[in-house]
């Protein structure tokens, strides 16, 4: 492949990756205990890079601060 073709393929892959990251994906919730028999979900993770969110302290942002994945917090 020529240098131009290699750069085109690289650019195409980058654009596809960015488009995929812009599709909202549900965060992965995790619980570490129970309160009155009900699981307490106090942590969440980015579905793309596993960035940790402490739900007691961290803001529920629309995008992951690590990888830029658009996040969905509720169904």
Protein backbone atom coordinates (compact mmCIF):
# COMPACT_ATOMS: atom_id res chain seq x y z
CA UNK A 1 0.00 0.00 0.00
CA UNK A 2 1.11 3.53 -0.66
CA UNK A 3 1.69 6.06 2.11
CA UNK A 4 -1.54 7.82 1.10
CA UNK A 5 -3.54 4.57 1.35
CA UNK A 6 -2.07 3.81 4.76
CA UNK A 7 -3.00 7.26 6.06
CA UNK A 8 -6.51 6.91 4.60
CA UNK A 9 -7.03 3.55 6.33
CA UNK A 10 -5.74 5.00 9.61
CA UNK A 11 -8.05 8.01 9.31
CA UNK A 12 -11.03 5.79 8.46
CA UNK A 13 -10.36 3.61 11.53
CA UNK A 14 -10.09 6.71 13.73
CA UNK A 15 -13.40 8.11 12.46
CA UNK A 16 -15.15 4.77 13.02
CA UNK A 17 -13.74 4.59 16.55
CA UNK A 18 -14.95 8.12 17.34
CA UNK A 19 -18.42 7.39 15.97
CA UNK A 20 -18.64 4.24 18.09
CA UNK A 21 -17.58 6.16 21.21
CA UNK A 22 -20.31 8.72 20.56
CA UNK A 23 -23.03 6.04 20.88
CA UNK A 24 -24.25 6.12 24.49
CA UNK A 25 -23.43 2.93 26.36
CA UNK A 26 -24.83 1.94 29.72
CA UNK A 27 -22.40 2.21 32.63
CA UNK A 28 -21.76 -1.02 34.52
CA UNK A 29 -23.04 -0.71 38.10
CA UNK A 30 -21.57 -2.64 41.01
CA UNK A 31 -22.76 -3.02 44.57
CA UNK A 32 -20.73 -3.84 47.63
CA UNK A 33 -23.36 -4.38 50.27
CA UNK A 34 -26.99 -4.37 51.29
CA UNK A 35 -29.21 -1.93 53.16
CA UNK A 36 -32.46 -3.41 54.49
CA UNK A 37 -32.01 -6.38 52.13
CA UNK A 38 -31.64 -4.15 49.05
CA UNK A 39 -28.33 -3.99 47.15
CA UNK A 40 -26.58 -0.60 47.45
CA UNK A 41 -25.10 0.38 44.09
CA UNK A 42 -22.38 2.91 44.89
CA UNK A 43 -19.88 2.34 42.08
CA UNK A 44 -20.05 2.35 38.30
CA UNK A 45 -17.58 1.67 35.51
CA UNK A 46 -17.20 2.94 31.95
CA UNK A 47 -18.19 0.15 29.54
CA UNK A 48 -15.28 1.04 27.26
CA UNK A 49 -12.23 1.56 29.51
CA UNK A 50 -13.46 0.52 33.00
CA UNK A 51 -12.93 4.00 34.46
CA UNK A 52 -14.19 3.92 38.06
CA UNK A 53 -16.96 6.27 39.25
CA UNK A 54 -17.72 6.55 42.97
CA UNK A 55 -21.42 7.38 42.91
CA UNK A 56 -21.25 8.94 46.38
CA UNK A 57 -18.72 11.57 45.24
CA UNK A 58 -18.33 11.65 41.44
CA UNK A 59 -20.62 13.58 39.15
CA UNK A 60 -22.56 11.55 36.59
CA UNK A 61 -21.00 12.99 33.45
CA UNK A 62 -22.22 12.47 29.89
CA UNK A 63 -18.76 11.34 28.77
CA UNK A 64 -16.02 9.26 30.38
CA UNK A 65 -13.13 11.54 31.40
CA UNK A 66 -10.59 8.83 30.45
CA UNK A 67 -11.66 7.63 26.99
CA UNK A 68 -14.45 9.96 25.88
CA UNK A 69 -17.13 7.25 25.67
CA UNK A 70 -20.66 8.72 25.79
CA UNK A 71 -22.33 7.32 28.90
CA UNK A 72 -25.87 6.31 29.71
CA UNK A 73 -26.70 6.22 33.42
CA UNK A 74 -30.28 4.91 33.43
CA UNK A 75 -32.40 2.68 31.22
